[in-house]
Every structure is written in structure tokens, then in C-alpha cells.
Amino acid sequence: MLGRMSRHRLAVWGDPIAHSKSPQLHAAAYAVLGLDWEYTRRQVAEGAFGAALGGLDGSWRGLSLTMPLKEQAHRAATALDRHADLTGAVNTLLLSEGRRGFNTDVGGIIDALAEHGIRDVARVRILGAGATAASALVASVEIGAAAIDVRARRPERAAGLVALGERLGSAVSAASFDEPIAPVDLTIATLPGGTELEEATVARLSASGGALFDVAYAPWPSSLAAGWSGGAALSGEGMLLRQAVRQIRIFHHGEQDTPLPSEPAVIAAMRAVL
């Protein structure tokens, strides 16, 4: 029945967007699900988002949003799931029911960590203070972190993360990369791909940083992962895959926590195209 629905167009929007692997991931999933849905990519600048969204017709089922459009999508949504509300970021819009906004990055991080046996942590360090850091913070709290150390070149940018931690009942502190550090169980790096940290900084962070989960995945290893000595260094490909699975659940049946039919086969097909 779903394959015969008229709302079958989807896309990922962002700027830049040519590097996105979302079309391959979604196409692989829809093939397994037997859905003749079209999923494309489109470069949409921050200032052009409103007009682009307003120009969509009734054939559009949903959108995946990447940087720098997650905050604009949050404002455009007529309803938000809990993770989108907490983070102020929407990476998925379901257009077949108004404009329902979701954040699948939080669940994508949790699912990717669980694949590597990381399901319960007490202390986490987050590198970076942008939109993805908010998702990393919520994910950290949901797997048990009571203390979260945010490190950024400009710690003042982390004020919103400190406030979010208070809202969630977790102690969040913010400091620069150069200030003293205490041991943590897990480090989540949300720095943009290609970010280079000084060798001495990487050494300090890794010495007490536990396992590293780096949301970057291209190129891999990142410069941070290449110098990591504190524990396992995990690529952001796992998050990319898992947040996409949650998006497909939303596009398929409207909820991100309810598995897809034949989901193991769907995930295997998606993993094969990464």
C-alpha cells in the first residue's frame, strides 16, 4: 500500500551537499522495503530554505536536513518530537502530516554507541559547541552521564549546552581545550570534518578521554582519531547509518522508535553501500 501512495518524493537538503551519502542509504532501504520512492539531494543555502520549503507540492513525503538548515527546519516545524525540542535542531521533516519535525541524531548516536557495547557511561567529554554537540549531550544523558565536560575554542558558545544540562539534570561544564582536564569514560567529538587540533592537545585529551566517538567519517581516520591513545576510536559512519534508519522509520510510518519491517535486512543493505 505504501508503495502506491502519491507522496513519494524525498530529498536531503544542505549546503554543501554533494558529499552526502544519504541518497545511497535511502535508496538501498527502499529497495528492500519494496517502495518506489524517489530520494535525491539538493543544495539549499541557509537564506533560501523558506522559499524552497514553500515551493514543495503535495508529492513530497519528507526531507532530511543537514547543516546549515537544522535550526531553520526547527522553526518551520508545526510539531516537534522530544529530541528536536530539547536540541533546537530538526534533521527530519515529515511533510505528509503537516510539518512534523524530528531529531534522529540523538538516537543515532545512542544506537551507534550500543553497537560497540557502550550503553552506560558516567562521565563524558564533548568536543565542540555547535548543533551536533546538543544532540551529543542529550544522548550522553540518556545513556547515564551525570557529568559532562564541554571543550570548545570559544567556551562562551557552550552557554546553551550548560543550560540544557541543567534542564536534564546533568552537571555540564564548559572550558577551552587548554584548561585542565579530568578523566572521562567517553569522548564525543562533534568538530567539523577536517578540523586539526594541535598534537599536544590531542595527546592531553586522549590520555584521559576513554573511548573516542568522532561524528566525522570522511576522511577517516580523522586527525583526532589518528592520534587517539586513550581507547577505541570509533567513526561517525555508525551515527550516519543509524540516524538514517530512524529517518526511514519516520518516512515509512511516522515514528522513529518503531522498527521497520525486515529491519535487519534493511540495515544490512544500507551498510553495504557505505
Protein backbone atom coordinates (compact mmCIF):
# COMPACT_ATOMS: atom_id res chain seq x y z
CA MET A 1 0.00 0.00 0.00
CA LEU A 2 2.75 2.44 0.95
CA GLY A 3 4.42 1.95 -2.44
CA ARG A 4 1.25 3.20 -4.17
CA MET A 5 0.93 6.39 -2.12
CA SER A 6 1.13 9.63 -4.06
CA ARG A 7 3.52 11.29 -1.58
CA HIS A 8 6.69 9.51 -2.55
CA ARG A 9 9.32 12.23 -3.14
CA LEU A 10 12.06 12.79 -0.57
CA ALA A 11 15.43 14.53 -0.50
CA VAL A 12 18.31 15.65 1.65
CA TRP A 13 18.98 19.39 1.71
CA GLY A 14 22.07 21.23 2.89
CA ASP A 15 24.97 23.43 1.86
CA PRO A 16 27.30 21.85 0.85
CA ILE A 17 25.50 18.64 -0.10
CA ALA A 18 27.45 16.89 -2.90
CA HIS A 19 29.29 14.72 -0.34
CA SER A 20 26.10 13.34 1.23
CA LYS A 21 25.69 9.56 1.30
CA SER A 22 22.01 9.82 2.20
CA PRO A 23 20.69 9.11 -1.33
CA GLN A 24 22.56 5.78 -1.46
CA LEU A 25 21.47 4.82 2.06
CA HIS A 26 17.82 5.63 1.50
CA ALA A 27 17.69 4.02 -1.94
CA ALA A 28 19.11 0.78 -0.51
CA ALA A 29 16.50 0.77 2.25
CA TYR A 30 13.53 1.49 -0.03
CA ALA A 31 14.61 -1.29 -2.38
CA VAL A 32 14.44 -3.81 0.48
CA LEU A 33 11.10 -2.38 1.62
CA GLY A 34 9.69 -2.61 -1.91
CA LEU A 35 8.93 1.12 -2.09
CA ASP A 36 9.21 3.02 -5.36
CA TRP A 37 10.19 6.26 -3.64
CA GLU A 38 12.48 8.90 -5.11
CA TYR A 39 15.18 10.29 -2.79
CA THR A 40 17.50 12.99 -4.15
CA ARG A 41 19.87 15.67 -2.88
CA ARG A 42 19.58 19.44 -3.28
CA GLN A 43 21.92 22.25 -2.35
CA VAL A 44 19.90 24.78 -0.36
CA ALA A 45 21.59 27.77 1.24
CA GLU A 46 20.52 28.95 4.68
CA GLY A 47 18.79 32.03 3.33
CA ALA A 48 16.91 30.07 0.67
CA PHE A 49 15.35 27.47 2.95
CA GLY A 50 11.98 29.13 3.48
CA ALA A 51 11.31 29.69 -0.21
CA ALA A 52 12.48 26.18 -1.11
CA LEU A 53 10.24 24.60 1.51
CA GLY A 54 7.28 26.71 0.47
CA GLY A 55 7.74 25.62 -3.14
CA LEU A 56 7.17 21.91 -2.48
CA ASP A 57 3.97 20.35 -3.79
CA GLY A 58 1.87 17.51 -2.42
CA SER A 59 4.10 14.80 -3.87
CA TRP A 60 6.70 15.42 -1.17
CA ARG A 61 6.68 12.99 1.73
CA GLY A 62 9.64 14.30 3.69
CA LEU A 63 13.07 15.92 3.93
CA SER A 64 16.37 15.12 5.57
CA LEU A 65 18.20 18.28 6.68
CA THR A 66 21.90 18.74 7.22
CA MET A 67 23.96 21.82 8.02
CA PRO A 68 23.19 24.70 7.98
CA LEU A 69 19.44 24.03 7.85
CA LYS A 70 18.64 22.23 11.11
CA GLU A 71 17.69 25.37 13.05
CA GLN A 72 15.60 26.71 10.15
CA ALA A 73 13.78 23.38 9.96
CA HIS A 74 13.15 23.56 13.70
CA ARG A 75 11.48 26.93 13.28
CA ALA A 76 9.45 25.73 10.28
CA ALA A 77 8.08 22.62 12.01
CA THR A 78 4.48 22.67 13.23
CA ALA A 79 5.15 19.88 15.75
CA LEU A 80 8.37 18.61 17.34
CA ASP A 81 9.46 15.35 18.89
CA ARG A 82 11.19 15.48 22.27
CA HIS A 83 14.74 15.36 20.92
CA ALA A 84 14.06 18.17 18.43
CA ASP A 85 12.52 20.25 21.20
CA LEU A 86 15.48 19.72 23.53
CA THR A 87 18.20 20.38 20.97
CA GLY A 88 16.56 23.14 18.90
CA ALA A 89 17.57 21.17 15.80
CA VAL A 90 15.47 19.26 13.25
CA ASN A 91 17.16 16.93 10.77
CA THR A 92 13.94 15.27 9.57
CA LEU A 93 10.68 16.82 8.38
CA LEU A 94 7.66 14.61 7.73
CA LEU A 95 5.56 16.57 5.25
CA SER A 96 2.71 14.11 4.79
CA GLU A 97 1.25 15.18 8.17
CA GLY A 98 1.81 18.93 8.19
CA ARG A 99 5.45 19.63 9.06
CA ARG A 100 6.41 17.28 11.87
CA GLY A 101 10.00 17.85 12.96
CA PHE A 102 12.30 15.19 14.40
CA ASN A 103 15.89 14.93 15.57
CA THR A 104 17.26 11.47 14.77
CA ASP A 105 20.88 12.40 15.57
CA VAL A 106 20.37 11.75 19.30
CA GLY A 107 19.05 8.25 18.74
CA GLY A 108 21.62 7.69 16.00
CA ILE A 109 24.45 8.37 18.46
CA ILE A 110 22.91 6.10 21.10
CA ASP A 111 22.37 3.27 18.59
CA ALA A 112 25.88 3.60 17.14
CA LEU A 113 27.49 3.50 20.59
CA ALA A 114 25.39 0.49 21.56
CA GLU A 115 26.75 -1.38 18.53
CA HIS A 116 30.17 -1.10 20.18
CA GLY A 117 28.91 -2.12 23.62
CA ILE A 118 28.79 1.42 25.02
CA ARG A 119 25.43 1.64 26.76
CA ASP A 120 26.16 3.14 30.17
CA VAL A 121 28.64 5.90 31.00
CA ALA A 122 29.03 8.21 33.98
CA ARG A 123 31.34 10.93 32.63
CA VAL A 124 31.53 12.26 29.08
CA ARG A 125 33.60 14.91 27.33
CA ILE A 126 32.11 16.63 24.28
CA LEU A 127 34.42 18.44 21.86
CA GLY A 128 32.72 21.35 20.10
CA ALA A 129 29.71 23.51 20.95
CA GLY A 130 27.59 23.53 17.78
CA ALA A 131 24.25 21.94 16.91
CA THR A 132 25.61 18.39 16.91
CA ALA A 133 27.03 18.96 20.40
CA ALA A 134 23.49 19.45 21.71
CA SER A 135 22.48 16.08 20.26
CA ALA A 136 25.61 14.50 21.76
CA LEU A 137 24.75 16.00 25.15
CA VAL A 138 21.18 14.65 25.14
CA ALA A 139 22.46 11.25 24.00
CA SER A 140 25.06 11.25 26.79
CA VAL A 141 22.44 11.99 29.44
CA GLU A 142 20.18 9.25 28.08
CA ILE A 143 22.96 6.67 28.49
CA GLY A 144 23.60 7.74 32.06
CA ALA A 145 26.11 10.61 32.05
CA ALA A 146 25.75 12.69 35.21
CA ALA A 147 28.78 14.87 34.44
CA ILE A 148 29.61 16.31 31.01
CA ASP A 149 32.69 18.36 30.16
CA VAL A 150 32.33 20.51 27.03
CA ARG A 151 35.52 21.70 25.36
CA ALA A 152 35.47 24.41 22.70
CA ARG A 153 37.77 27.05 21.27
CA ARG A 154 35.21 29.61 22.47
CA PRO A 155 33.69 28.20 25.68
CA GLU A 156 31.16 31.03 25.84
CA ARG A 157 29.39 29.40 22.89
CA ALA A 158 28.54 26.49 25.19
CA ALA A 159 26.21 28.50 27.45
CA GLY A 160 23.18 26.87 25.82
CA LEU A 161 24.66 23.42 26.46
CA VAL A 162 25.20 24.23 30.14
CA ALA A 163 21.57 25.36 30.38
CA LEU A 164 20.40 22.21 28.57
CA GLY A 165 22.35 20.09 31.04
CA GLU A 166 20.59 21.82 33.93
CA ARG A 167 17.23 21.12 32.28
CA LEU A 168 18.13 17.44 32.01
CA GLY A 169 19.62 17.12 35.50
CA SER A 170 23.23 16.66 34.41
CA ALA A 171 26.19 18.78 35.54
CA VAL A 172 27.68 20.39 32.44
CA SER A 173 30.84 22.50 32.49
CA ALA A 174 32.47 24.39 29.62
CA ALA A 175 36.14 25.19 29.13
CA SER A 176 38.76 25.69 26.45
CA PHE A 177 40.91 22.89 25.08
CA ASP A 178 43.90 24.18 27.05
CA GLU A 179 42.38 24.15 30.54
CA PRO A 180 42.99 21.26 32.99
CA ILE A 181 41.04 18.07 32.35
CA ALA A 182 39.81 15.15 34.45
CA PRO A 183 39.34 11.55 33.29
CA VAL A 184 36.12 10.62 31.46
CA ASP A 185 34.66 7.35 30.20
CA LEU A 186 33.84 8.57 26.70
CA THR A 187 34.76 11.46 24.41
CA ILE A 188 32.32 12.54 21.69
CA ALA A 189 33.90 14.79 19.07
CA THR A 190 31.42 16.99 17.19
CA LEU A 191 34.03 19.11 15.44
CA PRO A 192 33.59 19.77 11.72
CA GLY A 193 35.32 17.33 9.39
CA GLY A 194 38.88 18.37 8.66
CA THR A 195 39.38 20.16 12.00
CA GLU A 196 43.00 19.99 13.07
CA LEU A 197 43.94 20.10 16.75
CA GLU A 198 47.49 20.56 17.98
CA GLU A 199 49.36 17.34 18.66
CA ALA A 200 49.82 18.23 22.32
CA THR A 201 46.09 18.91 22.69
CA VAL A 202 45.18 15.55 21.16
CA ALA A 203 47.64 13.83 23.50
CA ARG A 204 46.10 15.52 26.56
CA LEU A 205 42.55 14.75 25.52
CA SER A 206 43.23 11.12 24.66
CA ALA A 207 45.26 10.37 27.79
CA SER A 208 42.16 10.76 29.96
CA GLY A 209 39.41 10.57 27.36
CA GLY A 210 38.38 6.93 27.29
CA ALA A 211 36.88 5.72 24.02
CA LEU A 212 36.50 8.28 21.22
CA PHE A 213 33.32 8.58 19.18
CA ASP A 214 34.03 11.04 16.36
CA VAL A 215 30.99 12.15 14.36
CA ALA A 216 33.34 12.82 11.44
CA TYR A 217 33.74 9.94 8.99
CA ALA A 218 35.40 11.36 5.89
CA PRO A 219 38.33 11.30 5.68
CA TRP A 220 38.90 8.52 8.19
CA PRO A 221 40.74 8.31 10.41
CA SER A 222 40.29 11.94 11.35
CA SER A 223 43.36 13.70 12.68
CA LEU A 224 41.89 13.34 16.18
CA ALA A 225 41.27 9.61 15.75
CA ALA A 226 44.74 9.08 14.26
CA GLY A 227 46.36 10.45 17.42
CA TRP A 228 43.97 8.87 19.93
CA SER A 229 45.61 6.62 22.50
CA GLY A 230 43.07 6.55 25.33
CA GLY A 231 40.84 3.79 23.95
CA ALA A 232 38.98 2.73 20.83
CA ALA A 233 38.43 5.38 18.14
CA LEU A 234 35.00 4.98 16.52
CA SER A 235 33.97 6.54 13.23
CA GLY A 236 30.84 8.65 12.75
CA GLU A 237 29.72 6.28 9.97
CA GLY A 238 27.78 4.39 12.62
CA MET A 239 25.84 7.52 13.52
CA LEU A 240 25.26 8.31 9.84
CA LEU A 241 23.77 4.86 9.31
CA ARG A 242 21.69 4.74 12.46
CA GLN A 243 20.21 8.22 12.21
CA ALA A 244 19.23 7.38 8.61
CA VAL A 245 17.48 4.20 9.78
CA ARG A 246 15.47 6.34 12.17
CA GLN A 247 14.63 8.80 9.39
CA ILE A 248 13.38 5.97 7.21
CA ARG A 249 11.18 4.75 10.05
CA ILE A 250 9.66 8.24 10.21
CA PHE A 251 9.09 8.43 6.46
CA HIS A 252 7.67 4.90 6.48
CA HIS A 253 5.26 5.02 9.43
CA GLY A 254 5.67 8.34 11.25
CA GLU A 255 7.67 7.32 14.35
CA GLN A 256 11.40 6.90 14.89
CA ASP A 257 11.36 4.32 17.70
CA THR A 258 9.22 1.68 15.94
CA PRO A 259 11.37 -0.69 13.84
CA LEU A 260 10.87 -1.18 10.11
CA PRO A 261 9.60 -4.43 8.60
CA SER A 262 12.60 -6.69 7.97
CA GLU A 263 14.82 -4.08 9.63
CA PRO A 264 17.95 -6.28 9.90
CA ALA A 265 17.85 -6.78 6.11
CA VAL A 266 17.31 -3.04 5.60
CA ILE A 267 20.31 -2.19 7.79
CA ALA A 268 22.49 -4.76 6.04
CA ALA A 269 21.64 -3.27 2.64
CA MET A 270 22.36 0.24 3.87
CA ARG A 271 25.66 -0.79 5.45
CA ALA A 272 26.73 -2.37 2.15
CA VAL A 273 26.60 0.99 0.34
CA LEU A 274 28.57 2.96 2.92
